[in-house]
C-alpha cells in the first residue's frame, strides 16, 4: 500500500514540475523543455 502512495505522490510532483516548466516556456525562459531544464 505504501508503494502505491509513493507512486501517486511521484506522479503528482512530476505533474507540477512539468507545469512549471511549461509556464517558463510560455514566459520565454526557454524554447523547449530540455532547454529550460538545462538552465535550471
C-alpha atoms as a PDB file:
ATOM      1  CA  UNK A   1       0.000   0.000   0.000  1.00  0.00           C
ATOM      2  CA  UNK A   2       2.815   2.422   0.830  1.00  0.00           C
ATOM      3  CA  UNK A   3       4.444   1.825  -2.549  1.00  0.00           C
ATOM      4  CA  UNK A   4       1.180   2.749  -4.277  1.00  0.00           C
ATOM      5  CA  UNK A   5       1.029   6.005  -2.317  1.00  0.00           C
ATOM      6  CA  UNK A   6       4.621   6.888  -3.179  1.00  0.00           C
ATOM      7  CA  UNK A   7       3.929   6.332  -6.870  1.00  0.00           C
ATOM      8  CA  UNK A   8       0.923   8.670  -6.722  1.00  0.00           C
ATOM      9  CA  UNK A   9       2.955  11.375  -4.989  1.00  0.00           C
ATOM     10  CA  UNK A  10       5.705  10.962  -7.582  1.00  0.00           C
ATOM     11  CA  UNK A  11       3.248  11.427 -10.463  1.00  0.00           C
ATOM     12  CA  UNK A  12       1.770  14.453  -8.692  1.00  0.00           C
ATOM     13  CA  UNK A  13       5.203  16.052  -8.230  1.00  0.00           C
ATOM     14  CA  UNK A  14       6.183  15.304 -11.840  1.00  0.00           C
ATOM     15  CA  UNK A  15       2.932  16.912 -12.985  1.00  0.00           C
ATOM     16  CA  UNK A  16       3.671  20.095 -11.048  1.00  0.00           C
ATOM     17  CA  UNK A  17       7.244  20.085 -12.370  1.00  0.00           C
ATOM     18  CA  UNK A  18       6.080  19.808 -15.975  1.00  0.00           C
ATOM     19  CA  UNK A  19       3.505  22.555 -15.440  1.00  0.00           C
ATOM     20  CA  UNK A  20       6.178  24.871 -14.042  1.00  0.00           C
ATOM     21  CA  UNK A  21       8.448  24.085 -16.999  1.00  0.00           C
ATOM     22  CA  UNK A  22       5.604  24.754 -19.444  1.00  0.00           C
ATOM     23  CA  UNK A  23       4.915  28.068 -17.678  1.00  0.00           C
ATOM     24  CA  UNK A  24       8.589  29.013 -18.017  1.00  0.00           C
ATOM     25  CA  UNK A  25       8.493  28.135 -21.723  1.00  0.00           C
ATOM     26  CA  UNK A  26       5.448  30.360 -22.217  1.00  0.00           C
ATOM     27  CA  UNK A  27       7.227  33.265 -20.493  1.00  0.00           C
ATOM     28  CA  UNK A  28      10.170  32.864 -22.861  1.00  0.00           C
ATOM     29  CA  UNK A  29      12.631  31.278 -20.406  1.00  0.00           C
ATOM     30  CA  UNK A  30      13.437  28.596 -22.959  1.00  0.00           C
ATOM     31  CA  UNK A  31      12.118  27.352 -26.269  1.00  0.00           C
ATOM     32  CA  UNK A  32      11.519  23.779 -25.132  1.00  0.00           C
ATOM     33  CA  UNK A  33      11.561  21.597 -22.015  1.00  0.00           C
ATOM     34  CA  UNK A  34      15.131  20.329 -22.336  1.00  0.00           C
ATOM     35  CA  UNK A  35      16.447  23.887 -22.702  1.00  0.00           C
ATOM     36  CA  UNK A  36      14.538  25.039 -19.614  1.00  0.00           C
ATOM     37  CA  UNK A  37      15.789  22.054 -17.602  1.00  0.00           C
ATOM     38  CA  UNK A  38      19.388  22.780 -18.636  1.00  0.00           C
ATOM     39  CA  UNK A  39      19.079  26.377 -17.416  1.00  0.00           C
ATOM     40  CA  UNK A  40      17.760  25.305 -14.011  1.00  0.00           C
END
